[in-house]
Amino acid sequence: GAGAGLFMTSAGGIGFGAAQNQQAGGVNTLVILTNSSLWANGTVNIGGQSSTNNNVTLLGSSWNNGNNAFYIGGWGNFGGPTTGGISNSLTLSGTVLSNFTTIGVGYLAGSYGNSLLLQSGSVISNNGGLYVGYAAGADNNTVIATNDSRLAMTNGAFFVGNGGSGNTVILSNSFLKCNSAGSIGNNGSNNTVTLLGGTVWNNGNVNLIVGTGVGVGNVLTLDS
């Protein structure tokens, strides 16, 4: 659907192409919200249990998730998906997401090619962490933030390739804040994080480790 409005759930999660009872999820779902407000009180899934090509776009909107988690590519909810989704995406443009806990982009084995894009001053503020490729077999997932976008984790870490491989994070003229130790390539290989001009990363005086365990070829690049 497309348009402006107010969408509210007092209890329970939201699923876009997500699965229930370990059945295959939906495919080719497209949701576009413009100048809208969302209030939810449960875990959000875009894709899961091998569901593919589910795409959500928020333009000039806001989303308060009541201190619950958000997963692109699935998580063990809605009856317990056990494998991830493929090529699912969330695009934010001039949009604010608040009161989220964990945000996972490729959180299950089989979560492949999922993406999160922030642009035009979009903001994600959450109390947990950002996890990209957070399981063996959670590969080739992507997070890109551009044009004064912000990822602010008040009590969470930043993990890229925690078992997964080939995952990518690119920040350009953006801001990232973390408060817990994180890693790039913990038992995963060929994961990359690239910080381009105008980007600030505040890691809260905690460790960031590049390449641990059996992972190889993991890279952090700073480029003005």
N, C-alpha and C. Protein backbone atom coordinates (compact mmCIF):
# COMPACT_ATOMS: atom_id res chain seq x y z
N GLY A 1 0.82 -1.18 0.00
CA GLY A 1 0.00 0.00 0.00
C GLY A 1 0.85 1.23 0.00
N ALA A 2 0.28 2.40 -0.28
CA ALA A 2 1.01 3.66 -0.27
C ALA A 2 0.09 4.74 0.27
N GLY A 3 0.69 5.72 0.95
CA GLY A 3 -0.10 6.82 1.44
C GLY A 3 0.28 7.19 2.84
N ALA A 4 -0.47 8.16 3.42
CA ALA A 4 -0.20 8.65 4.76
C ALA A 4 -1.25 8.11 5.71
N GLY A 5 -0.85 7.94 6.98
CA GLY A 5 -1.81 7.46 7.94
C GLY A 5 -1.16 7.12 9.26
N LEU A 6 -1.96 6.61 10.18
CA LEU A 6 -1.51 6.17 11.49
C LEU A 6 -1.84 4.70 11.62
N PHE A 7 -0.82 3.88 11.94
CA PHE A 7 -0.98 2.44 12.07
C PHE A 7 -0.54 2.04 13.47
N MET A 8 -1.41 1.34 14.22
CA MET A 8 -1.10 1.02 15.60
C MET A 8 -1.44 -0.43 15.91
N THR A 9 -0.57 -1.09 16.72
CA THR A 9 -0.89 -2.38 17.32
C THR A 9 -0.60 -2.29 18.80
N SER A 10 -1.55 -2.67 19.63
CA SER A 10 -1.35 -2.58 21.08
C SER A 10 -0.58 -3.77 21.62
N ALA A 11 -0.58 -4.89 20.90
CA ALA A 11 0.15 -6.08 21.32
C ALA A 11 0.43 -6.94 20.09
N GLY A 12 1.54 -7.66 20.15
CA GLY A 12 1.88 -8.53 19.05
C GLY A 12 2.80 -7.87 18.05
N GLY A 13 3.43 -8.70 17.22
CA GLY A 13 4.41 -8.22 16.27
C GLY A 13 3.81 -7.92 14.91
N ILE A 14 4.70 -7.52 14.00
CA ILE A 14 4.32 -7.23 12.63
C ILE A 14 5.19 -8.07 11.71
N GLY A 15 4.59 -8.70 10.73
CA GLY A 15 5.36 -9.50 9.78
C GLY A 15 5.08 -9.07 8.34
N PHE A 16 6.14 -8.84 7.60
CA PHE A 16 6.02 -8.56 6.16
C PHE A 16 6.61 -9.76 5.42
N GLY A 17 5.76 -10.58 4.82
CA GLY A 17 6.25 -11.78 4.17
C GLY A 17 6.87 -12.77 5.13
N ALA A 18 6.56 -12.63 6.42
CA ALA A 18 7.16 -13.49 7.43
C ALA A 18 6.39 -14.80 7.54
N ALA A 19 7.00 -15.75 8.24
CA ALA A 19 6.46 -17.11 8.30
C ALA A 19 5.80 -17.39 9.64
N GLN A 20 4.88 -18.35 9.64
CA GLN A 20 4.30 -18.86 10.86
C GLN A 20 4.43 -20.38 10.88
N ASN A 21 4.63 -20.89 12.08
CA ASN A 21 4.65 -22.34 12.29
C ASN A 21 5.61 -23.07 11.35
N GLN A 22 6.76 -22.42 11.10
CA GLN A 22 7.84 -23.00 10.30
C GLN A 22 7.42 -23.32 8.86
N GLN A 23 6.40 -22.63 8.37
CA GLN A 23 6.02 -22.75 6.97
C GLN A 23 6.72 -21.65 6.18
N ALA A 24 6.85 -21.83 4.89
CA ALA A 24 7.49 -20.82 4.06
C ALA A 24 6.71 -19.51 4.11
N GLY A 25 7.46 -18.40 4.18
CA GLY A 25 6.83 -17.09 4.23
C GLY A 25 6.44 -16.61 2.84
N GLY A 26 5.92 -15.38 2.79
CA GLY A 26 5.47 -14.81 1.53
C GLY A 26 6.62 -14.36 0.65
N VAL A 27 6.30 -14.06 -0.58
CA VAL A 27 7.29 -13.58 -1.54
C VAL A 27 6.75 -12.35 -2.25
N ASN A 28 7.70 -11.49 -2.66
CA ASN A 28 7.37 -10.34 -3.51
C ASN A 28 6.35 -9.39 -2.88
N THR A 29 6.42 -9.23 -1.54
CA THR A 29 5.58 -8.25 -0.86
C THR A 29 6.21 -6.87 -1.01
N LEU A 30 5.40 -5.86 -1.32
CA LEU A 30 5.87 -4.49 -1.43
C LEU A 30 4.98 -3.59 -0.58
N VAL A 31 5.60 -2.88 0.39
CA VAL A 31 4.88 -1.95 1.24
C VAL A 31 5.59 -0.61 1.18
N ILE A 32 4.85 0.46 0.86
CA ILE A 32 5.40 1.81 0.82
C ILE A 32 4.52 2.70 1.69
N LEU A 33 5.13 3.36 2.68
CA LEU A 33 4.40 4.28 3.55
C LEU A 33 5.04 5.66 3.45
N THR A 34 4.21 6.68 3.23
CA THR A 34 4.68 8.05 3.08
C THR A 34 4.01 8.94 4.12
N ASN A 35 4.84 9.72 4.84
CA ASN A 35 4.33 10.66 5.84
C ASN A 35 3.38 9.97 6.81
N SER A 36 3.79 8.82 7.28
CA SER A 36 2.94 7.99 8.14
C SER A 36 3.59 7.78 9.50
N SER A 37 2.77 7.36 10.47
CA SER A 37 3.25 7.02 11.80
C SER A 37 2.84 5.60 12.14
N LEU A 38 3.81 4.83 12.66
CA LEU A 38 3.54 3.45 13.07
C LEU A 38 3.87 3.31 14.55
N TRP A 39 2.99 2.63 15.26
CA TRP A 39 3.22 2.29 16.67
C TRP A 39 2.98 0.79 16.81
N ALA A 40 3.99 0.08 17.29
CA ALA A 40 3.87 -1.38 17.43
C ALA A 40 4.36 -1.79 18.81
N ASN A 41 4.01 -3.01 19.20
CA ASN A 41 4.41 -3.50 20.51
C ASN A 41 4.76 -4.98 20.43
N GLY A 42 5.65 -5.31 19.50
CA GLY A 42 6.10 -6.69 19.33
C GLY A 42 7.21 -6.76 18.32
N THR A 43 7.79 -7.93 18.19
CA THR A 43 8.88 -8.14 17.24
C THR A 43 8.41 -7.96 15.81
N VAL A 44 9.26 -7.33 15.00
CA VAL A 44 8.97 -7.10 13.59
C VAL A 44 9.87 -7.98 12.74
N ASN A 45 9.30 -8.65 11.77
CA ASN A 45 10.05 -9.45 10.80
C ASN A 45 9.74 -9.02 9.37
N ILE A 46 10.78 -8.78 8.59
CA ILE A 46 10.62 -8.66 7.14
C ILE A 46 11.30 -9.88 6.54
N GLY A 47 10.52 -10.82 6.07
CA GLY A 47 11.08 -12.07 5.55
C GLY A 47 11.44 -13.03 6.67
N GLY A 48 11.64 -14.28 6.29
CA GLY A 48 11.96 -15.33 7.25
C GLY A 48 11.49 -16.66 6.71
N GLN A 49 12.10 -17.74 7.16
CA GLN A 49 11.73 -19.08 6.73
C GLN A 49 11.71 -19.19 5.20
N SER A 50 12.83 -18.75 4.60
CA SER A 50 13.05 -18.85 3.15
C SER A 50 12.15 -17.94 2.32
N SER A 51 11.47 -16.99 2.94
CA SER A 51 10.68 -16.03 2.16
C SER A 51 11.62 -15.06 1.44
N THR A 52 11.21 -14.58 0.28
CA THR A 52 12.12 -13.81 -0.58
C THR A 52 11.45 -12.54 -1.12
N ASN A 53 12.33 -11.55 -1.36
CA ASN A 53 11.94 -10.35 -2.08
C ASN A 53 10.76 -9.61 -1.46
N ASN A 54 10.78 -9.49 -0.13
CA ASN A 54 9.79 -8.66 0.56
C ASN A 54 10.45 -7.32 0.87
N ASN A 55 9.83 -6.23 0.40
CA ASN A 55 10.46 -4.91 0.45
C ASN A 55 9.55 -3.90 1.12
N VAL A 56 10.09 -3.20 2.12
CA VAL A 56 9.35 -2.18 2.84
C VAL A 56 10.10 -0.86 2.69
N THR A 57 9.38 0.20 2.33
CA THR A 57 9.96 1.53 2.17
C THR A 57 9.16 2.53 3.00
N LEU A 58 9.86 3.32 3.83
CA LEU A 58 9.23 4.36 4.62
C LEU A 58 9.81 5.71 4.19
N LEU A 59 8.93 6.63 3.80
CA LEU A 59 9.34 7.94 3.32
C LEU A 59 8.76 9.01 4.25
N GLY A 60 9.64 9.79 4.88
CA GLY A 60 9.18 10.87 5.74
C GLY A 60 8.26 10.41 6.85
N SER A 61 8.53 9.24 7.42
CA SER A 61 7.62 8.63 8.39
C SER A 61 8.32 8.40 9.73
N SER A 62 7.56 7.92 10.70
CA SER A 62 8.12 7.58 12.02
C SER A 62 7.56 6.23 12.46
N TRP A 63 8.38 5.52 13.26
CA TRP A 63 7.97 4.19 13.73
C TRP A 63 8.50 4.01 15.14
N ASN A 64 7.58 3.85 16.09
CA ASN A 64 7.92 3.56 17.48
C ASN A 64 7.57 2.10 17.74
N ASN A 65 8.59 1.29 18.11
CA ASN A 65 8.35 -0.15 18.22
C ASN A 65 8.26 -0.65 19.65
N GLY A 66 8.06 0.25 20.61
CA GLY A 66 7.77 -0.19 21.97
C GLY A 66 8.82 -1.05 22.61
N ASN A 67 10.11 -0.77 22.31
CA ASN A 67 11.24 -1.53 22.87
C ASN A 67 11.18 -3.01 22.52
N ASN A 68 10.97 -3.28 21.24
CA ASN A 68 11.01 -4.64 20.72
C ASN A 68 11.97 -4.73 19.54
N ALA A 69 12.27 -5.95 19.13
CA ALA A 69 13.31 -6.19 18.14
C ALA A 69 12.78 -6.09 16.72
N PHE A 70 13.73 -5.98 15.79
CA PHE A 70 13.42 -5.83 14.37
C PHE A 70 14.40 -6.69 13.58
N TYR A 71 13.89 -7.56 12.71
CA TYR A 71 14.75 -8.46 11.95
C TYR A 71 14.40 -8.42 10.47
N ILE A 72 15.42 -8.26 9.65
CA ILE A 72 15.26 -8.36 8.20
C ILE A 72 15.92 -9.67 7.77
N GLY A 73 15.11 -10.58 7.29
CA GLY A 73 15.63 -11.90 6.97
C GLY A 73 15.32 -12.95 8.02
N GLY A 74 14.51 -12.58 9.03
CA GLY A 74 13.97 -13.59 9.92
C GLY A 74 14.63 -13.75 11.26
N TRP A 75 13.85 -14.28 12.15
CA TRP A 75 14.25 -14.62 13.52
C TRP A 75 13.25 -15.61 14.05
N GLY A 76 13.58 -16.32 15.13
CA GLY A 76 12.71 -17.36 15.66
C GLY A 76 11.48 -16.82 16.37
N ASN A 77 10.55 -16.32 15.58
CA ASN A 77 9.32 -15.76 16.14
C ASN A 77 8.17 -16.16 15.21
N PHE A 78 6.96 -15.76 15.51
CA PHE A 78 5.80 -16.13 14.70
C PHE A 78 5.75 -17.64 14.46
N GLY A 79 5.88 -18.42 15.53
CA GLY A 79 5.82 -19.86 15.41
C GLY A 79 7.17 -20.50 15.21
N GLY A 80 8.24 -19.71 15.12
CA GLY A 80 9.57 -20.27 15.15
C GLY A 80 10.23 -20.55 13.82
N PRO A 81 10.43 -19.53 12.95
CA PRO A 81 11.23 -19.77 11.75
C PRO A 81 12.61 -20.31 12.11
N THR A 82 13.08 -21.27 11.36
CA THR A 82 14.38 -21.88 11.65
C THR A 82 15.42 -21.58 10.58
N THR A 83 14.99 -21.04 9.45
CA THR A 83 15.93 -20.61 8.42
C THR A 83 15.58 -19.19 8.00
N GLY A 84 16.59 -18.50 7.50
CA GLY A 84 16.41 -17.10 7.18
C GLY A 84 15.76 -16.87 5.83
N GLY A 85 15.45 -15.60 5.57
CA GLY A 85 14.88 -15.19 4.30
C GLY A 85 15.95 -14.64 3.37
N ILE A 86 15.60 -14.47 2.11
CA ILE A 86 16.55 -14.10 1.06
C ILE A 86 16.07 -12.83 0.36
N SER A 87 16.98 -11.86 0.24
CA SER A 87 16.74 -10.64 -0.55
C SER A 87 15.53 -9.86 -0.07
N ASN A 88 15.40 -9.72 1.24
CA ASN A 88 14.38 -8.85 1.83
C ASN A 88 15.02 -7.52 2.19
N SER A 89 14.23 -6.42 2.18
CA SER A 89 14.86 -5.12 2.39
C SER A 89 13.95 -4.15 3.14
N LEU A 90 14.61 -3.22 3.83
CA LEU A 90 13.96 -2.06 4.43
C LEU A 90 14.72 -0.83 3.97
N THR A 91 13.99 0.14 3.38
CA THR A 91 14.57 1.40 2.94
C THR A 91 13.92 2.54 3.71
N LEU A 92 14.75 3.40 4.30
CA LEU A 92 14.28 4.55 5.07
C LEU A 92 14.79 5.81 4.41
N SER A 93 13.90 6.76 4.19
CA SER A 93 14.28 8.06 3.64
C SER A 93 13.60 9.14 4.46
N GLY A 94 14.39 9.95 5.17
CA GLY A 94 13.81 10.98 6.02
C GLY A 94 12.89 10.42 7.08
N THR A 95 13.24 9.26 7.63
CA THR A 95 12.38 8.51 8.53
C THR A 95 13.08 8.25 9.86
N VAL A 96 12.32 8.22 10.95
CA VAL A 96 12.85 7.97 12.28
C VAL A 96 12.25 6.68 12.84
N LEU A 97 13.12 5.73 13.22
CA LEU A 97 12.71 4.52 13.92
C LEU A 97 13.22 4.62 15.35
N SER A 98 12.32 4.48 16.34
CA SER A 98 12.71 4.63 17.74
C SER A 98 12.19 3.49 18.58
N ASN A 99 12.83 3.33 19.76
CA ASN A 99 12.44 2.32 20.73
C ASN A 99 12.47 0.90 20.16
N PHE A 100 13.55 0.61 19.45
CA PHE A 100 13.84 -0.74 19.00
C PHE A 100 14.93 -1.32 19.90
N THR A 101 14.90 -2.63 20.09
CA THR A 101 16.01 -3.28 20.80
C THR A 101 16.97 -3.81 19.74
N THR A 102 17.17 -5.09 19.67
CA THR A 102 18.05 -5.67 18.64
C THR A 102 17.54 -5.37 17.24
N ILE A 103 18.48 -5.01 16.36
CA ILE A 103 18.17 -4.91 14.94
C ILE A 103 19.09 -5.88 14.22
N GLY A 104 18.49 -6.86 13.54
CA GLY A 104 19.25 -7.89 12.85
C GLY A 104 19.01 -7.85 11.36
N VAL A 105 20.07 -7.78 10.59
CA VAL A 105 19.99 -7.87 9.14
C VAL A 105 20.73 -9.14 8.74
N GLY A 106 19.98 -10.23 8.54
CA GLY A 106 20.61 -11.53 8.34
C GLY A 106 20.99 -12.15 9.67
N TYR A 107 20.00 -12.65 10.40
CA TYR A 107 20.21 -13.11 11.78
C TYR A 107 20.17 -14.63 11.91
N LEU A 108 19.69 -15.31 10.88
CA LEU A 108 19.57 -16.77 10.90
C LEU A 108 20.39 -17.39 9.78
N ALA A 109 20.78 -18.64 9.95
CA ALA A 109 21.38 -19.39 8.85
C ALA A 109 20.42 -19.38 7.67
N GLY A 110 20.95 -19.10 6.49
CA GLY A 110 20.12 -19.00 5.31
C GLY A 110 19.61 -17.60 5.03
N SER A 111 19.91 -16.65 5.94
CA SER A 111 19.56 -15.24 5.69
C SER A 111 20.58 -14.67 4.71
N TYR A 112 20.20 -14.52 3.47
CA TYR A 112 21.15 -14.20 2.41
C TYR A 112 20.67 -12.99 1.62
N GLY A 113 21.55 -12.01 1.45
CA GLY A 113 21.25 -10.91 0.56
C GLY A 113 20.18 -9.96 1.05
N ASN A 114 20.00 -9.85 2.37
CA ASN A 114 19.04 -8.91 2.93
C ASN A 114 19.71 -7.55 3.13
N SER A 115 18.91 -6.48 3.16
CA SER A 115 19.52 -5.16 3.21
C SER A 115 18.71 -4.16 4.01
N LEU A 116 19.46 -3.19 4.59
CA LEU A 116 18.89 -2.04 5.28
C LEU A 116 19.56 -0.81 4.71
N LEU A 117 18.76 0.15 4.22
CA LEU A 117 19.27 1.38 3.64
C LEU A 117 18.67 2.57 4.37
N LEU A 118 19.55 3.45 4.87
CA LEU A 118 19.13 4.70 5.49
C LEU A 118 19.66 5.85 4.64
N GLN A 119 18.78 6.82 4.35
CA GLN A 119 19.21 7.96 3.56
C GLN A 119 18.42 9.20 3.96
N SER A 120 18.93 10.35 3.54
CA SER A 120 18.23 11.63 3.74
C SER A 120 17.90 11.89 5.20
N GLY A 121 18.92 11.70 6.07
CA GLY A 121 18.76 12.03 7.48
C GLY A 121 17.92 11.07 8.28
N SER A 122 17.78 9.85 7.84
CA SER A 122 17.02 8.85 8.61
C SER A 122 17.75 8.49 9.90
N VAL A 123 16.98 8.09 10.90
CA VAL A 123 17.53 7.79 12.23
C VAL A 123 16.98 6.46 12.72
N ILE A 124 17.86 5.61 13.25
CA ILE A 124 17.43 4.44 14.02
C ILE A 124 18.03 4.58 15.41
N SER A 125 17.18 4.65 16.42
CA SER A 125 17.66 4.69 17.80
C SER A 125 17.13 3.46 18.52
N ASN A 126 18.04 2.74 19.15
CA ASN A 126 17.63 1.51 19.82
C ASN A 126 18.49 1.25 21.04
N ASN A 127 17.99 0.37 21.93
CA ASN A 127 18.69 0.06 23.16
C ASN A 127 19.57 -1.18 23.05
N GLY A 128 19.42 -1.93 21.97
CA GLY A 128 20.21 -3.13 21.77
C GLY A 128 21.28 -2.89 20.73
N GLY A 129 21.61 -3.91 19.97
CA GLY A 129 22.70 -3.80 19.01
C GLY A 129 22.25 -3.93 17.58
N LEU A 130 23.22 -3.71 16.69
CA LEU A 130 23.03 -3.92 15.26
C LEU A 130 23.82 -5.15 14.86
N TYR A 131 23.15 -6.16 14.30
CA TYR A 131 23.76 -7.44 13.97
C TYR A 131 23.57 -7.71 12.48
N VAL A 132 24.66 -7.82 11.76
CA VAL A 132 24.62 -8.02 10.31
C VAL A 132 25.34 -9.33 10.00
N GLY A 133 24.61 -10.32 9.52
CA GLY A 133 25.23 -11.63 9.27
C GLY A 133 25.57 -12.35 10.56
N TYR A 134 24.56 -12.55 11.41
CA TYR A 134 24.81 -13.00 12.78
C TYR A 134 24.65 -14.51 12.97
N ALA A 135 24.97 -15.29 11.98
CA ALA A 135 24.96 -16.75 12.12
C ALA A 135 25.74 -17.34 10.96
N ALA A 136 26.30 -18.52 11.18
CA ALA A 136 26.93 -19.22 10.06
C ALA A 136 25.89 -19.45 8.97
N GLY A 137 26.21 -19.05 7.75
CA GLY A 137 25.28 -19.15 6.65
C GLY A 137 24.41 -17.92 6.46
N ALA A 138 24.59 -16.91 7.32
CA ALA A 138 23.92 -15.61 7.13
C ALA A 138 24.90 -14.73 6.35
N ASP A 139 24.82 -14.78 5.04
CA ASP A 139 25.86 -14.23 4.18
C ASP A 139 25.33 -13.11 3.27
N ASN A 140 26.26 -12.25 2.88
CA ASN A 140 26.00 -11.23 1.84
C ASN A 140 24.82 -10.31 2.19
N ASN A 141 24.72 -9.96 3.46
CA ASN A 141 23.74 -8.98 3.90
C ASN A 141 24.38 -7.60 3.96
N THR A 142 23.58 -6.55 3.82
CA THR A 142 24.13 -5.21 3.63
C THR A 142 23.40 -4.17 4.46
N VAL A 143 24.19 -3.25 5.04
CA VAL A 143 23.64 -2.03 5.65
C VAL A 143 24.36 -0.85 5.03
N ILE A 144 23.60 0.14 4.53
CA ILE A 144 24.17 1.35 3.96
C ILE A 144 23.46 2.55 4.58
N ALA A 145 24.24 3.51 5.09
CA ALA A 145 23.69 4.74 5.65
C ALA A 145 24.38 5.92 4.97
N THR A 146 23.58 6.86 4.45
CA THR A 146 24.12 8.01 3.72
C THR A 146 23.38 9.29 4.11
N ASN A 147 23.96 10.42 3.72
CA ASN A 147 23.29 11.72 3.79
C ASN A 147 22.77 12.07 5.17
N ASP A 148 23.70 12.09 6.14
CA ASP A 148 23.40 12.53 7.51
C ASP A 148 22.45 11.59 8.24
N SER A 149 22.49 10.32 7.92
CA SER A 149 21.70 9.34 8.66
C SER A 149 22.42 8.94 9.94
N ARG A 150 21.67 8.37 10.89
CA ARG A 150 22.23 8.09 12.21
C ARG A 150 21.76 6.71 12.69
N LEU A 151 22.72 5.95 13.23
CA LEU A 151 22.45 4.69 13.91
C LEU A 151 22.95 4.86 15.34
N ALA A 152 22.03 5.00 16.28
CA ALA A 152 22.40 5.29 17.67
C ALA A 152 21.93 4.16 18.57
N MET A 153 22.89 3.41 19.11
CA MET A 153 22.59 2.30 20.00
C MET A 153 23.00 2.69 21.41
N THR A 154 22.02 2.92 22.27
CA THR A 154 22.31 3.44 23.60
C THR A 154 22.90 2.39 24.53
N ASN A 155 22.67 1.12 24.24
CA ASN A 155 23.20 0.08 25.12
C ASN A 155 23.47 -1.19 24.32
N GLY A 156 24.08 -1.04 23.14
CA GLY A 156 24.25 -2.22 22.31
C GLY A 156 25.53 -2.19 21.51
N ALA A 157 25.81 -3.32 20.89
CA ALA A 157 27.05 -3.52 20.15
C ALA A 157 26.79 -3.56 18.65
N PHE A 158 27.88 -3.65 17.92
CA PHE A 158 27.87 -3.64 16.46
C PHE A 158 28.62 -4.88 16.00
N PHE A 159 27.90 -5.83 15.41
CA PHE A 159 28.51 -7.07 14.95
C PHE A 159 28.26 -7.23 13.45
N VAL A 160 29.34 -7.47 12.71
CA VAL A 160 29.24 -7.73 11.28
C VAL A 160 29.94 -9.04 11.00
N GLY A 161 29.22 -10.03 10.50
CA GLY A 161 29.84 -11.32 10.21
C GLY A 161 30.16 -12.12 11.44
N ASN A 162 29.19 -12.25 12.33
CA ASN A 162 29.36 -13.09 13.52
C ASN A 162 28.99 -14.53 13.15
N GLY A 163 29.86 -15.15 12.35
CA GLY A 163 29.59 -16.46 11.77
C GLY A 163 29.28 -16.36 10.29
N GLY A 164 28.62 -15.29 9.88
CA GLY A 164 28.30 -15.08 8.47
C GLY A 164 29.49 -14.52 7.71
N SER A 165 29.43 -14.62 6.40
CA SER A 165 30.53 -14.16 5.54
C SER A 165 30.00 -13.25 4.43
N GLY A 166 30.89 -12.40 3.95
CA GLY A 166 30.57 -11.54 2.82
C GLY A 166 29.56 -10.45 3.13
N ASN A 167 29.42 -10.10 4.40
CA ASN A 167 28.49 -9.05 4.79
C ASN A 167 29.16 -7.68 4.69
N THR A 168 28.37 -6.64 4.40
CA THR A 168 28.93 -5.33 4.10
C THR A 168 28.17 -4.24 4.83
N VAL A 169 28.93 -3.30 5.41
CA VAL A 169 28.37 -2.08 5.98
C VAL A 169 29.12 -0.90 5.39
N ILE A 170 28.37 0.08 4.86
CA ILE A 170 28.97 1.29 4.29
C ILE A 170 28.28 2.49 4.92
N LEU A 171 29.08 3.38 5.52
CA LEU A 171 28.55 4.60 6.12
C LEU A 171 29.19 5.78 5.42
N SER A 172 28.37 6.69 4.91
CA SER A 172 28.86 7.88 4.22
C SER A 172 28.14 9.11 4.77
N ASN A 173 28.94 10.06 5.30
CA ASN A 173 28.37 11.27 5.88
C ASN A 173 27.27 10.93 6.88
N SER A 174 27.59 9.97 7.76
CA SER A 174 26.60 9.46 8.70
C SER A 174 27.22 9.31 10.08
N PHE A 175 26.42 8.84 11.03
CA PHE A 175 26.85 8.75 12.43
C PHE A 175 26.47 7.39 12.99
N LEU A 176 27.42 6.75 13.70
CA LEU A 176 27.19 5.47 14.35
C LEU A 176 27.66 5.57 15.79
N LYS A 177 26.80 5.17 16.72
CA LYS A 177 27.15 5.19 18.14
C LYS A 177 26.86 3.83 18.76
N CYS A 178 27.85 3.28 19.47
CA CYS A 178 27.71 1.99 20.16
C CYS A 178 28.21 2.13 21.59
N ASN A 179 27.77 1.24 22.47
CA ASN A 179 28.21 1.27 23.86
C ASN A 179 28.64 -0.09 24.39
N SER A 180 28.78 -1.08 23.52
CA SER A 180 29.25 -2.40 23.93
C SER A 180 30.25 -2.91 22.91
N ALA A 181 31.13 -3.80 23.36
CA ALA A 181 32.17 -4.33 22.48
C ALA A 181 31.54 -5.06 21.29
N GLY A 182 32.16 -4.90 20.12
CA GLY A 182 31.65 -5.54 18.92
C GLY A 182 32.77 -6.12 18.08
N SER A 183 32.42 -6.62 16.90
CA SER A 183 33.42 -7.26 16.06
C SER A 183 33.03 -7.21 14.59
N ILE A 184 34.05 -7.31 13.75
CA ILE A 184 33.87 -7.48 12.31
C ILE A 184 34.55 -8.79 11.94
N GLY A 185 33.77 -9.80 11.64
CA GLY A 185 34.34 -11.10 11.28
C GLY A 185 34.72 -11.95 12.47
N ASN A 186 33.74 -12.32 13.28
CA ASN A 186 33.95 -13.28 14.37
C ASN A 186 33.52 -14.66 13.86
N ASN A 187 34.50 -15.45 13.46
CA ASN A 187 34.25 -16.76 12.84
C ASN A 187 33.53 -16.65 11.50
N GLY A 188 33.57 -15.48 10.90
CA GLY A 188 33.08 -15.27 9.54
C GLY A 188 34.17 -14.65 8.71
N SER A 189 34.08 -14.77 7.40
CA SER A 189 35.16 -14.31 6.51
C SER A 189 34.65 -13.27 5.50
N ASN A 190 35.59 -12.42 5.07
CA ASN A 190 35.35 -11.45 3.99
C ASN A 190 34.20 -10.50 4.28
N ASN A 191 34.09 -10.11 5.53
CA ASN A 191 33.14 -9.09 5.93
C ASN A 191 33.84 -7.72 5.90
N THR A 192 33.14 -6.69 5.47
CA THR A 192 33.76 -5.38 5.32
C THR A 192 32.90 -4.28 5.92
N VAL A 193 33.57 -3.32 6.56
CA VAL A 193 32.95 -2.09 7.02
C VAL A 193 33.75 -0.94 6.45
N THR A 194 33.07 -0.03 5.76
CA THR A 194 33.73 1.11 5.13
C THR A 194 33.12 2.40 5.63
N LEU A 195 33.96 3.30 6.14
CA LEU A 195 33.53 4.61 6.60
C LEU A 195 34.04 5.64 5.61
N LEU A 196 33.12 6.34 4.96
CA LEU A 196 33.47 7.34 3.97
C LEU A 196 33.37 8.74 4.56
N GLY A 197 33.74 9.74 3.78
CA GLY A 197 33.86 11.11 4.26
C GLY A 197 32.64 11.61 5.00
N GLY A 198 32.90 12.35 6.10
CA GLY A 198 31.84 12.94 6.90
C GLY A 198 31.21 12.00 7.89
N THR A 199 31.76 10.80 8.05
CA THR A 199 31.20 9.80 8.97
C THR A 199 31.88 9.87 10.33
N VAL A 200 31.11 9.76 11.39
CA VAL A 200 31.63 9.72 12.76
C VAL A 200 31.17 8.43 13.41
N TRP A 201 32.11 7.71 14.03
CA TRP A 201 31.81 6.48 14.77
C TRP A 201 32.27 6.67 16.21
N ASN A 202 31.31 6.69 17.14
CA ASN A 202 31.60 6.77 18.56
C ASN A 202 31.36 5.40 19.17
N ASN A 203 32.43 4.74 19.61
CA ASN A 203 32.30 3.37 20.10
C ASN A 203 32.27 3.28 21.62
N GLY A 204 32.08 4.40 22.29
CA GLY A 204 31.82 4.38 23.72
C GLY A 204 32.93 3.80 24.57
N ASN A 205 34.19 3.97 24.16
CA ASN A 205 35.34 3.48 24.92
C ASN A 205 35.31 1.97 25.16
N VAL A 206 34.78 1.23 24.20
CA VAL A 206 34.79 -0.23 24.29
C VAL A 206 35.49 -0.80 23.06
N ASN A 207 35.81 -2.08 23.11
CA ASN A 207 36.60 -2.71 22.06
C ASN A 207 35.81 -2.96 20.78
N LEU A 208 36.52 -2.86 19.67
CA LEU A 208 36.03 -3.35 18.39
C LEU A 208 37.12 -4.25 17.82
N ILE A 209 36.81 -5.51 17.56
CA ILE A 209 37.80 -6.48 17.10
C ILE A 209 37.53 -6.82 15.64
N VAL A 210 38.56 -6.74 14.82
CA VAL A 210 38.45 -7.08 13.41
C VAL A 210 39.14 -8.42 13.18
N GLY A 211 38.36 -9.47 12.87
CA GLY A 211 38.92 -10.79 12.58
C GLY A 211 39.24 -11.58 13.82
N THR A 212 38.32 -12.43 14.24
CA THR A 212 38.57 -13.34 15.37
C THR A 212 38.13 -14.74 14.99
N GLY A 213 38.60 -15.71 15.74
CA GLY A 213 38.25 -17.10 15.46
C GLY A 213 38.82 -17.56 14.13
N VAL A 214 38.03 -18.29 13.37
CA VAL A 214 38.51 -18.87 12.12
C VAL A 214 38.29 -17.94 10.91
N GLY A 215 37.73 -16.77 11.14
CA GLY A 215 37.45 -15.88 10.02
C GLY A 215 38.70 -15.28 9.41
N VAL A 216 38.68 -15.08 8.09
CA VAL A 216 39.80 -14.45 7.38
C VAL A 216 39.24 -13.39 6.43
N GLY A 217 40.11 -12.45 6.05
CA GLY A 217 39.77 -11.49 5.04
C GLY A 217 38.76 -10.42 5.47
N ASN A 218 38.66 -10.16 6.77
CA ASN A 218 37.75 -9.14 7.27
C ASN A 218 38.44 -7.78 7.30
N VAL A 219 37.73 -6.72 6.92
CA VAL A 219 38.39 -5.44 6.69
C VAL A 219 37.55 -4.28 7.23
N LEU A 220 38.24 -3.34 7.92
CA LEU A 220 37.69 -2.06 8.26
C LEU A 220 38.45 -0.99 7.49
N THR A 221 37.73 -0.18 6.69
CA THR A 221 38.36 0.81 5.84
C THR A 221 37.88 2.21 6.20
N LEU A 222 38.81 3.14 6.38
CA LEU A 222 38.51 4.55 6.62
C LEU A 222 38.96 5.33 5.40
N ASP A 223 38.04 6.01 4.76
CA ASP A 223 38.38 6.70 3.51
C ASP A 223 37.72 8.07 3.51
N SER A 224 38.55 9.10 3.43
CA SER A 224 38.03 10.47 3.42
C SER A 224 37.47 10.84 2.06
